[in-house]
């Protein structure tokens, strides 16, 4: 897998950010609104605290550069190498809300 590579980021605003990487999707939620600069700066080390962290272990080798998203979630296409000459392509989707 090599070193950590962050392919893209997607915001579940205003409190959460999702980082898509070669080791999976890292979700961080904060107590402050991330789009409110006055609530974060200048004392960001004291004001920005992680409230919730979630790691979705989805390993993939390549991420295709377009992410499709809206207020309910996002979708993306990835590639997983199966050998030196072949690979599988997957559609990944993350929903921000769950139903019952």
PDB file of N, CA and C in Angstrom:
ATOM      1  N   UNK A   1       0.825  -1.196   0.000  1.00  0.00           N
ATOM      2  CA  UNK A   1       0.000   0.000   0.000  1.00  0.00           C
ATOM      3  C   UNK A   1       0.870   1.260   0.000  1.00  0.00           C
ATOM      4  N   UNK A   2       2.004   1.207   0.628  1.00  0.00           N
ATOM      5  CA  UNK A   2       2.894   2.357   0.616  1.00  0.00           C
ATOM      6  C   UNK A   2       2.442   3.460   1.547  1.00  0.00           C
ATOM      7  N   UNK A   3       2.970   4.658   1.323  1.00  0.00           N
ATOM      8  CA  UNK A   3       2.621   5.779   2.191  1.00  0.00           C
ATOM      9  C   UNK A   3       1.174   6.230   1.976  1.00  0.00           C
ATOM     10  N   UNK A   4       0.644   6.925   2.963  1.00  0.00           N
ATOM     11  CA  UNK A   4      -0.715   7.440   2.884  1.00  0.00           C
ATOM     12  C   UNK A   4      -0.827   8.469   1.775  1.00  0.00           C
ATOM     13  N   UNK A   5      -1.831   8.287   0.893  1.00  0.00           N
ATOM     14  CA  UNK A   5      -2.109   9.235  -0.181  1.00  0.00           C
ATOM     15  C   UNK A   5      -3.549   9.688  -0.032  1.00  0.00           C
ATOM     16  N   UNK A   6      -3.779  10.967   0.163  1.00  0.00           N
ATOM     17  CA  UNK A   6      -5.132  11.504   0.218  1.00  0.00           C
ATOM     18  C   UNK A   6      -5.511  11.918  -1.195  1.00  0.00           C
ATOM     19  N   UNK A   7      -6.542  11.263  -1.741  1.00  0.00           N
ATOM     20  CA  UNK A   7      -6.971  11.522  -3.109  1.00  0.00           C
ATOM     21  C   UNK A   7      -7.904  12.719  -3.201  1.00  0.00           C
ATOM     22  N   UNK A   8      -8.782  12.865  -2.214  1.00  0.00           N
ATOM     23  CA  UNK A   8      -9.786  13.931  -2.287  1.00  0.00           C
ATOM     24  C   UNK A   8     -10.391  14.137  -0.908  1.00  0.00           C
ATOM     25  N   UNK A   9     -11.116  15.220  -0.763  1.00  0.00           N
ATOM     26  CA  UNK A   9     -11.844  15.518   0.474  1.00  0.00           C
ATOM     27  C   UNK A   9     -13.246  15.955   0.103  1.00  0.00           C
ATOM     28  N   UNK A  10     -14.185  15.593   0.971  1.00  0.00           N
ATOM     29  CA  UNK A  10     -15.575  15.985   0.744  1.00  0.00           C
ATOM     30  C   UNK A  10     -16.166  16.394   2.073  1.00  0.00           C
ATOM     31  N   UNK A  11     -16.846  17.523   2.091  1.00  0.00           N
ATOM     32  CA  UNK A  11     -17.386  18.046   3.342  1.00  0.00           C
ATOM     33  C   UNK A  11     -18.825  17.652   3.572  1.00  0.00           C
ATOM     34  N   UNK A  12     -19.106  17.198   4.787  1.00  0.00           N
ATOM     35  CA  UNK A  12     -20.471  17.028   5.281  1.00  0.00           C
ATOM     36  C   UNK A  12     -20.683  18.214   6.209  1.00  0.00           C
ATOM     37  N   UNK A  13     -20.899  19.377   5.609  1.00  0.00           N
ATOM     38  CA  UNK A  13     -20.869  20.654   6.324  1.00  0.00           C
ATOM     39  C   UNK A  13     -22.038  20.794   7.281  1.00  0.00           C
ATOM     40  N   UNK A  14     -21.836  21.510   8.349  1.00  0.00           N
ATOM     41  CA  UNK A  14     -20.665  22.331   8.637  1.00  0.00           C
ATOM     42  C   UNK A  14     -19.649  21.683   9.569  1.00  0.00           C
ATOM     43  N   UNK A  15     -19.894  20.470  10.083  1.00  0.00           N
ATOM     44  CA  UNK A  15     -19.038  19.938  11.141  1.00  0.00           C
ATOM     45  C   UNK A  15     -18.085  18.822  10.726  1.00  0.00           C
ATOM     46  N   UNK A  16     -18.324  18.153   9.610  1.00  0.00           N
ATOM     47  CA  UNK A  16     -17.540  16.956   9.276  1.00  0.00           C
ATOM     48  C   UNK A  16     -16.834  17.090   7.935  1.00  0.00           C
ATOM     49  N   UNK A  17     -15.706  16.396   7.840  1.00  0.00           N
ATOM     50  CA  UNK A  17     -14.957  16.312   6.586  1.00  0.00           C
ATOM     51  C   UNK A  17     -14.568  14.856   6.366  1.00  0.00           C
ATOM     52  N   UNK A  18     -14.643  14.410   5.114  1.00  0.00           N
ATOM     53  CA  UNK A  18     -14.295  13.044   4.727  1.00  0.00           C
ATOM     54  C   UNK A  18     -13.044  13.115   3.849  1.00  0.00           C
ATOM     55  N   UNK A  19     -12.024  12.368   4.209  1.00  0.00           N
ATOM     56  CA  UNK A  19     -10.791  12.310   3.430  1.00  0.00           C
ATOM     57  C   UNK A  19     -10.705  10.941   2.758  1.00  0.00           C
ATOM     58  N   UNK A  20     -10.675  10.924   1.425  1.00  0.00           N
ATOM     59  CA  UNK A  20     -10.573   9.680   0.671  1.00  0.00           C
ATOM     60  C   UNK A  20      -9.101   9.393   0.423  1.00  0.00           C
ATOM     61  N   UNK A  21      -8.634   8.244   0.885  1.00  0.00           N
ATOM     62  CA  UNK A  21      -7.214   7.911   0.766  1.00  0.00           C
ATOM     63  C   UNK A  21      -7.049   6.481   0.282  1.00  0.00           C
ATOM     64  N   UNK A  22      -5.808   6.091   0.052  1.00  0.00           N
ATOM     65  CA  UNK A  22      -5.529   4.722  -0.375  1.00  0.00           C
ATOM     66  C   UNK A  22      -5.719   3.716   0.766  1.00  0.00           C
ATOM     67  N   UNK A  23      -5.887   4.166   1.999  1.00  0.00           N
ATOM     68  CA  UNK A  23      -6.144   3.291   3.137  1.00  0.00           C
ATOM     69  C   UNK A  23      -7.595   3.299   3.577  1.00  0.00           C
ATOM     70  N   UNK A  24      -8.440   4.030   2.883  1.00  0.00           N
ATOM     71  CA  UNK A  24      -9.847   4.070   3.223  1.00  0.00           C
ATOM     72  C   UNK A  24     -10.350   5.498   3.318  1.00  0.00           C
ATOM     73  N   UNK A  25     -11.521   5.632   3.914  1.00  0.00           N
ATOM     74  CA  UNK A  25     -12.141   6.944   4.085  1.00  0.00           C
ATOM     75  C   UNK A  25     -12.053   7.313   5.556  1.00  0.00           C
ATOM     76  N   UNK A  26     -11.449   8.441   5.833  1.00  0.00           N
ATOM     77  CA  UNK A  26     -11.309   8.944   7.193  1.00  0.00           C
ATOM     78  C   UNK A  26     -12.327  10.058   7.385  1.00  0.00           C
ATOM     79  N   UNK A  27     -13.192   9.907   8.380  1.00  0.00           N
ATOM     80  CA  UNK A  27     -14.238  10.890   8.651  1.00  0.00           C
ATOM     81  C   UNK A  27     -13.929  11.545   9.987  1.00  0.00           C
ATOM     82  N   UNK A  28     -13.819  12.864   9.981  1.00  0.00           N
ATOM     83  CA  UNK A  28     -13.565  13.631  11.195  1.00  0.00           C
ATOM     84  C   UNK A  28     -14.689  14.627  11.400  1.00  0.00           C
ATOM     85  N   UNK A  29     -15.265  14.638  12.587  1.00  0.00           N
ATOM     86  CA  UNK A  29     -16.304  15.605  12.942  1.00  0.00           C
ATOM     87  C   UNK A  29     -15.798  16.460  14.095  1.00  0.00           C
ATOM     88  N   UNK A  30     -16.059  17.736  14.011  1.00  0.00           N
ATOM     89  CA  UNK A  30     -15.554  18.706  14.980  1.00  0.00           C
ATOM     90  C   UNK A  30     -16.701  19.399  15.689  1.00  0.00           C
ATOM     91  N   UNK A  31     -16.407  20.010  16.814  1.00  0.00           N
ATOM     92  CA  UNK A  31     -17.429  20.733  17.563  1.00  0.00           C
ATOM     93  C   UNK A  31     -17.707  22.098  16.950  1.00  0.00           C
ATOM     94  N   UNK A  32     -16.748  22.639  16.217  1.00  0.00           N
ATOM     95  CA  UNK A  32     -16.910  23.947  15.575  1.00  0.00           C
ATOM     96  C   UNK A  32     -17.374  23.780  14.139  1.00  0.00           C
ATOM     97  N   UNK A  33     -18.067  24.787  13.642  1.00  0.00           N
ATOM     98  CA  UNK A  33     -18.440  24.808  12.237  1.00  0.00           C
ATOM     99  C   UNK A  33     -17.183  25.082  11.417  1.00  0.00           C
ATOM    100  N   UNK A  34     -16.871  24.182  10.504  1.00  0.00           N
ATOM    101  CA  UNK A  34     -15.648  24.313   9.716  1.00  0.00           C
ATOM    102  C   UNK A  34     -15.703  25.464   8.724  1.00  0.00           C
ATOM    103  N   UNK A  35     -16.889  25.909   8.375  1.00  0.00           N
ATOM    104  CA  UNK A  35     -17.005  27.016   7.435  1.00  0.00           C
ATOM    105  C   UNK A  35     -17.163  28.370   8.127  1.00  0.00           C
ATOM    106  N   UNK A  36     -16.955  28.407   9.441  1.00  0.00           N
ATOM    107  CA  UNK A  36     -17.004  29.649  10.203  1.00  0.00           C
ATOM    108  C   UNK A  36     -15.581  29.986  10.659  1.00  0.00           C
ATOM    109  N   UNK A  37     -14.904  30.814   9.892  1.00  0.00           N
ATOM    110  CA  UNK A  37     -13.495  31.129  10.165  1.00  0.00           C
ATOM    111  C   UNK A  37     -13.293  31.798  11.513  1.00  0.00           C
ATOM    112  N   UNK A  38     -14.235  32.635  11.932  1.00  0.00           N
ATOM    113  CA  UNK A  38     -14.060  33.337  13.205  1.00  0.00           C
ATOM    114  C   UNK A  38     -14.175  32.390  14.393  1.00  0.00           C
ATOM    115  N   UNK A  39     -14.853  31.248  14.218  1.00  0.00           N
ATOM    116  CA  UNK A  39     -14.942  30.265  15.292  1.00  0.00           C
ATOM    117  C   UNK A  39     -13.681  29.406  15.387  1.00  0.00           C
ATOM    118  N   UNK A  40     -12.833  29.454  14.371  1.00  0.00           N
ATOM    119  CA  UNK A  40     -11.630  28.616  14.339  1.00  0.00           C
ATOM    120  C   UNK A  40     -10.348  29.423  14.561  1.00  0.00           C
ATOM    121  N   UNK A  41     -10.194  30.509  13.830  1.00  0.00           N
ATOM    122  CA  UNK A  41      -8.957  31.290  13.880  1.00  0.00           C
ATOM    123  C   UNK A  41      -9.100  32.466  14.817  1.00  0.00           C
ATOM    124  N   UNK A  42      -8.069  32.962  15.445  1.00  0.00           N
ATOM    125  CA  UNK A  42      -6.662  32.595  15.294  1.00  0.00           C
ATOM    126  C   UNK A  42      -6.201  31.473  16.228  1.00  0.00           C
ATOM    127  N   UNK A  43      -6.997  31.049  17.194  1.00  0.00           N
ATOM    128  CA  UNK A  43      -6.553  30.042  18.167  1.00  0.00           C
ATOM    129  C   UNK A  43      -7.036  28.649  17.788  1.00  0.00           C
ATOM    130  N   UNK A  44      -6.726  28.207  16.566  1.00  0.00           N
ATOM    131  CA  UNK A  44      -7.245  26.933  16.074  1.00  0.00           C
ATOM    132  C   UNK A  44      -6.770  25.735  16.890  1.00  0.00           C
ATOM    133  N   UNK A  45      -5.591  25.804  17.499  1.00  0.00           N
ATOM    134  CA  UNK A  45      -5.092  24.671  18.284  1.00  0.00           C
ATOM    135  C   UNK A  45      -5.944  24.429  19.524  1.00  0.00           C
ATOM    136  N   UNK A  46      -6.518  25.480  20.067  1.00  0.00           N
ATOM    137  CA  UNK A  46      -7.369  25.349  21.246  1.00  0.00           C
ATOM    138  C   UNK A  46      -8.838  25.180  20.889  1.00  0.00           C
ATOM    139  N   UNK A  47      -9.259  25.706  19.753  1.00  0.00           N
ATOM    140  CA  UNK A  47     -10.680  25.722  19.400  1.00  0.00           C
ATOM    141  C   UNK A  47     -11.133  24.528  18.581  1.00  0.00           C
ATOM    142  N   UNK A  48     -10.257  23.933  17.801  1.00  0.00           N
ATOM    143  CA  UNK A  48     -10.658  22.835  16.915  1.00  0.00           C
ATOM    144  C   UNK A  48     -10.317  21.508  17.592  1.00  0.00           C
ATOM    145  N   UNK A  49     -11.355  20.825  18.038  1.00  0.00           N
ATOM    146  CA  UNK A  49     -11.196  19.530  18.699  1.00  0.00           C
ATOM    147  C   UNK A  49     -12.023  18.495  17.942  1.00  0.00           C
ATOM    148  N   UNK A  50     -11.432  17.329  17.736  1.00  0.00           N
ATOM    149  CA  UNK A  50     -12.143  16.242  17.066  1.00  0.00           C
ATOM    150  C   UNK A  50     -13.158  15.651  18.044  1.00  0.00           C
ATOM    151  N   UNK A  51     -14.425  15.674  17.647  1.00  0.00           N
ATOM    152  CA  UNK A  51     -15.503  15.117  18.461  1.00  0.00           C
ATOM    153  C   UNK A  51     -15.751  13.646  18.127  1.00  0.00           C
ATOM    154  N   UNK A  52     -15.597  13.308  16.857  1.00  0.00           N
ATOM    155  CA  UNK A  52     -15.869  11.951  16.400  1.00  0.00           C
ATOM    156  C   UNK A  52     -14.943  11.610  15.246  1.00  0.00           C
ATOM    157  N   UNK A  53     -14.446  10.365  15.249  1.00  0.00           N
ATOM    158  CA  UNK A  53     -13.561   9.914  14.174  1.00  0.00           C
ATOM    159  C   UNK A  53     -14.035   8.534  13.732  1.00  0.00           C
ATOM    160  N   UNK A  54     -14.097   8.351  12.426  1.00  0.00           N
ATOM    161  CA  UNK A  54     -14.523   7.080  11.856  1.00  0.00           C
ATOM    162  C   UNK A  54     -13.607   6.753  10.690  1.00  0.00           C
ATOM    163  N   UNK A  55     -13.169   5.500  10.620  1.00  0.00           N
ATOM    164  CA  UNK A  55     -12.322   5.062   9.513  1.00  0.00           C
ATOM    165  C   UNK A  55     -13.021   3.905   8.810  1.00  0.00           C
ATOM    166  N   UNK A  56     -13.306   4.087   7.536  1.00  0.00           N
ATOM    167  CA  UNK A  56     -13.878   3.027   6.708  1.00  0.00           C
ATOM    168  C   UNK A  56     -12.724   2.396   5.941  1.00  0.00           C
ATOM    169  N   UNK A  57     -12.352   1.185   6.290  1.00  0.00           N
ATOM    170  CA  UNK A  57     -11.202   0.514   5.682  1.00  0.00           C
ATOM    171  C   UNK A  57     -11.561  -0.042   4.310  1.00  0.00           C
ATOM    172  N   UNK A  58     -11.456   0.805   3.316  1.00  0.00           N
ATOM    173  CA  UNK A  58     -11.706   0.426   1.931  1.00  0.00           C
ATOM    174  C   UNK A  58     -10.412   0.653   1.158  1.00  0.00           C
ATOM    175  N   UNK A  59      -9.714  -0.405   0.873  1.00  0.00           N
ATOM    176  CA  UNK A  59      -8.427  -0.268   0.206  1.00  0.00           C
ATOM    177  C   UNK A  59      -8.614  -0.200  -1.298  1.00  0.00           C
ATOM    178  N   UNK A  60      -8.028   0.805  -1.914  1.00  0.00           N
ATOM    179  CA  UNK A  60      -8.020   0.871  -3.367  1.00  0.00           C
ATOM    180  C   UNK A  60      -6.739   1.529  -3.833  1.00  0.00           C
ATOM    181  N   UNK A  61      -6.360   1.189  -5.063  1.00  0.00           N
ATOM    182  CA  UNK A  61      -5.071   1.608  -5.596  1.00  0.00           C
ATOM    183  C   UNK A  61      -5.131   2.925  -6.359  1.00  0.00           C
ATOM    184  N   UNK A  62      -6.260   3.187  -6.976  1.00  0.00           N
ATOM    185  CA  UNK A  62      -6.376   4.406  -7.765  1.00  0.00           C
ATOM    186  C   UNK A  62      -7.772   4.977  -7.595  1.00  0.00           C
ATOM    187  N   UNK A  63      -7.828   6.275  -7.524  1.00  0.00           N
ATOM    188  CA  UNK A  63      -9.085   6.993  -7.390  1.00  0.00           C
ATOM    189  C   UNK A  63      -9.260   7.835  -8.640  1.00  0.00           C
ATOM    190  N   UNK A  64     -10.435   7.757  -9.259  1.00  0.00           N
ATOM    191  CA  UNK A  64     -10.690   8.567 -10.438  1.00  0.00           C
ATOM    192  C   UNK A  64     -11.141   9.946  -9.994  1.00  0.00           C
ATOM    193  N   UNK A  65     -10.654  10.971 -10.627  1.00  0.00           N
ATOM    194  CA  UNK A  65     -10.642  12.329 -10.107  1.00  0.00           C
ATOM    195  C   UNK A  65     -11.987  13.008  -9.909  1.00  0.00           C
ATOM    196  N   UNK A  66     -13.055  12.471 -10.396  1.00  0.00           N
ATOM    197  CA  UNK A  66     -14.343  13.133 -10.225  1.00  0.00           C
ATOM    198  C   UNK A  66     -15.129  12.482  -9.091  1.00  0.00           C
ATOM    199  N   UNK A  67     -15.624  13.328  -8.196  1.00  0.00           N
ATOM    200  CA  UNK A  67     -16.479  12.870  -7.113  1.00  0.00           C
ATOM    201  C   UNK A  67     -17.840  13.527  -7.314  1.00  0.00           C
ATOM    202  N   UNK A  68     -18.893  12.748  -7.237  1.00  0.00           N
ATOM    203  CA  UNK A  68     -20.247  13.275  -7.406  1.00  0.00           C
ATOM    204  C   UNK A  68     -20.901  13.316  -6.036  1.00  0.00           C
ATOM    205  N   UNK A  69     -21.370  14.479  -5.633  1.00  0.00           N
ATOM    206  CA  UNK A  69     -21.958  14.588  -4.315  1.00  0.00           C
ATOM    207  C   UNK A  69     -23.031  15.640  -4.226  1.00  0.00           C
ATOM    208  N   UNK A  70     -23.808  15.528  -3.163  1.00  0.00           N
ATOM    209  CA  UNK A  70     -24.821  16.523  -2.858  1.00  0.00           C
ATOM    210  C   UNK A  70     -24.996  16.571  -1.340  1.00  0.00           C
ATOM    211  N   UNK A  71     -26.093  17.120  -0.859  1.00  0.00           N
ATOM    212  CA  UNK A  71     -26.310  17.276   0.579  1.00  0.00           C
ATOM    213  C   UNK A  71     -26.543  15.942   1.292  1.00  0.00           C
ATOM    214  N   UNK A  72     -26.771  14.861   0.551  1.00  0.00           N
ATOM    215  CA  UNK A  72     -27.089  13.577   1.160  1.00  0.00           C
ATOM    216  C   UNK A  72     -25.937  12.578   1.156  1.00  0.00           C
ATOM    217  N   UNK A  73     -24.873  12.842   0.404  1.00  0.00           N
ATOM    218  CA  UNK A  73     -23.752  11.923   0.340  1.00  0.00           C
ATOM    219  C   UNK A  73     -22.946  12.137  -0.922  1.00  0.00           C
ATOM    220  N   UNK A  74     -22.106  11.155  -1.259  1.00  0.00           N
ATOM    221  CA  UNK A  74     -21.270  11.269  -2.446  1.00  0.00           C
ATOM    222  C   UNK A  74     -20.940   9.889  -2.990  1.00  0.00           C
ATOM    223  N   UNK A  75     -20.498   9.864  -4.244  1.00  0.00           N
ATOM    224  CA  UNK A  75     -20.113   8.625  -4.916  1.00  0.00           C
ATOM    225  C   UNK A  75     -18.832   8.864  -5.695  1.00  0.00           C
ATOM    226  N   UNK A  76     -18.069   7.792  -5.898  1.00  0.00           N
ATOM    227  CA  UNK A  76     -16.786   7.899  -6.585  1.00  0.00           C
ATOM    228  C   UNK A  76     -16.441   6.558  -7.206  1.00  0.00           C
ATOM    229  N   UNK A  77     -15.524   6.559  -8.151  1.00  0.00           N
ATOM    230  CA  UNK A  77     -15.077   5.338  -8.814  1.00  0.00           C
ATOM    231  C   UNK A  77     -13.624   5.079  -8.425  1.00  0.00           C
ATOM    232  N   UNK A  78     -13.324   3.817  -8.106  1.00  0.00           N
ATOM    233  CA  UNK A  78     -11.968   3.442  -7.721  1.00  0.00           C
ATOM    234  C   UNK A  78     -11.512   2.227  -8.522  1.00  0.00           C
ATOM    235  N   UNK A  79     -10.223   1.983  -8.448  1.00  0.00           N
ATOM    236  CA  UNK A  79      -9.638   0.823  -9.111  1.00  0.00           C
ATOM    237  C   UNK A  79      -8.796   0.060  -8.100  1.00  0.00           C
ATOM    238  N   UNK A  80      -8.928  -1.262  -8.116  1.00  0.00           N
ATOM    239  CA  UNK A  80      -8.126  -2.142  -7.266  1.00  0.00           C
ATOM    240  C   UNK A  80      -7.362  -3.081  -8.189  1.00  0.00           C
ATOM    241  N   UNK A  81      -6.040  -3.065  -8.090  1.00  0.00           N
ATOM    242  CA  UNK A  81      -5.201  -3.945  -8.915  1.00  0.00           C
ATOM    243  C   UNK A  81      -5.319  -5.377  -8.408  1.00  0.00           C
ATOM    244  N   UNK A  82      -5.638  -6.307  -9.304  1.00  0.00           N
ATOM    245  CA  UNK A  82      -5.727  -7.717  -8.931  1.00  0.00           C
ATOM    246  C   UNK A  82      -4.451  -8.477  -9.287  1.00  0.00           C
ATOM    247  N   UNK A  83      -3.721  -7.989 -10.261  1.00  0.00           N
ATOM    248  CA  UNK A  83      -2.409  -8.522 -10.620  1.00  0.00           C
ATOM    249  C   UNK A  83      -1.665  -7.397 -11.328  1.00  0.00           C
ATOM    250  N   UNK A  84      -0.521  -7.692 -11.874  1.00  0.00           N
ATOM    251  CA  UNK A  84       0.241  -6.649 -12.548  1.00  0.00           C
ATOM    252  C   UNK A  84      -0.410  -6.198 -13.855  1.00  0.00           C
ATOM    253  N   UNK A  85      -1.301  -7.024 -14.414  1.00  0.00           N
ATOM    254  CA  UNK A  85      -1.922  -6.691 -15.692  1.00  0.00           C
ATOM    255  C   UNK A  85      -3.434  -6.456 -15.626  1.00  0.00           C
ATOM    256  N   UNK A  86      -4.078  -6.814 -14.522  1.00  0.00           N
ATOM    257  CA  UNK A  86      -5.533  -6.700 -14.443  1.00  0.00           C
ATOM    258  C   UNK A  86      -5.950  -5.899 -13.213  1.00  0.00           C
ATOM    259  N   UNK A  87      -7.158  -5.379 -13.279  1.00  0.00           N
ATOM    260  CA  UNK A  87      -7.701  -4.623 -12.154  1.00  0.00           C
ATOM    261  C   UNK A  87      -9.214  -4.713 -12.158  1.00  0.00           C
ATOM    262  N   UNK A  88      -9.822  -4.425 -11.008  1.00  0.00           N
ATOM    263  CA  UNK A  88     -11.268  -4.346 -10.866  1.00  0.00           C
ATOM    264  C   UNK A  88     -11.643  -2.894 -10.624  1.00  0.00           C
ATOM    265  N   UNK A  89     -12.790  -2.477 -11.143  1.00  0.00           N
ATOM    266  CA  UNK A  89     -13.292  -1.125 -10.946  1.00  0.00           C
ATOM    267  C   UNK A  89     -14.525  -1.195 -10.053  1.00  0.00           C
ATOM    268  N   UNK A  90     -14.593  -0.309  -9.063  1.00  0.00           N
ATOM    269  CA  UNK A  90     -15.695  -0.293  -8.107  1.00  0.00           C
ATOM    270  C   UNK A  90     -16.313   1.096  -8.025  1.00  0.00           C
ATOM    271  N   UNK A  91     -17.601   1.106  -7.769  1.00  0.00           N
ATOM    272  CA  UNK A  91     -18.308   2.341  -7.462  1.00  0.00           C
ATOM    273  C   UNK A  91     -18.487   2.389  -5.957  1.00  0.00           C
ATOM    274  N   UNK A  92     -17.958   3.431  -5.330  1.00  0.00           N
ATOM    275  CA  UNK A  92     -18.123   3.611  -3.895  1.00  0.00           C
ATOM    276  C   UNK A  92     -19.148   4.691  -3.631  1.00  0.00           C
ATOM    277  N   UNK A  93     -19.922   4.527  -2.577  1.00  0.00           N
ATOM    278  CA  UNK A  93     -20.932   5.518  -2.222  1.00  0.00           C
ATOM    279  C   UNK A  93     -20.993   5.656  -0.713  1.00  0.00           C
ATOM    280  N   UNK A  94     -21.130   6.873  -0.251  1.00  0.00           N
ATOM    281  CA  UNK A  94     -21.243   7.165   1.177  1.00  0.00           C
ATOM    282  C   UNK A  94     -22.460   8.043   1.375  1.00  0.00           C
ATOM    283  N   UNK A  95     -23.359   7.633   2.269  1.00  0.00           N
ATOM    284  CA  UNK A  95     -24.537   8.421   2.595  1.00  0.00           C
ATOM    285  C   UNK A  95     -24.329   9.085   3.953  1.00  0.00           C
ATOM    286  N   UNK A  96     -24.709  10.337   4.056  1.00  0.00           N
ATOM    287  CA  UNK A  96     -24.573  11.065   5.310  1.00  0.00           C
ATOM    288  C   UNK A  96     -25.675  10.715   6.304  1.00  0.00           C
ATOM    289  N   UNK A  97     -26.800  10.224   5.811  1.00  0.00           N
ATOM    290  CA  UNK A  97     -27.955   9.954   6.656  1.00  0.00           C
ATOM    291  C   UNK A  97     -28.375   8.506   6.499  1.00  0.00           C
ATOM    292  N   UNK A  98     -28.984   7.970   7.524  1.00  0.00           N
ATOM    293  CA  UNK A  98     -29.492   6.606   7.440  1.00  0.00           C
ATOM    294  C   UNK A  98     -30.984   6.604   7.704  1.00  0.00           C
ATOM    295  N   UNK A  99     -31.654   5.666   7.109  1.00  0.00           N
ATOM    296  CA  UNK A  99     -33.091   5.539   7.291  1.00  0.00           C
ATOM    297  C   UNK A  99     -33.445   4.336   8.128  1.00  0.00           C
ATOM    298  N   UNK A 100     -34.696   4.238   8.504  1.00  0.00           N
ATOM    299  CA  UNK A 100     -35.129   3.065   9.283  1.00  0.00           C
ATOM    300  C   UNK A 100     -36.135   2.270   8.496  1.00  0.00           C
TER     301      UNK A 100
END
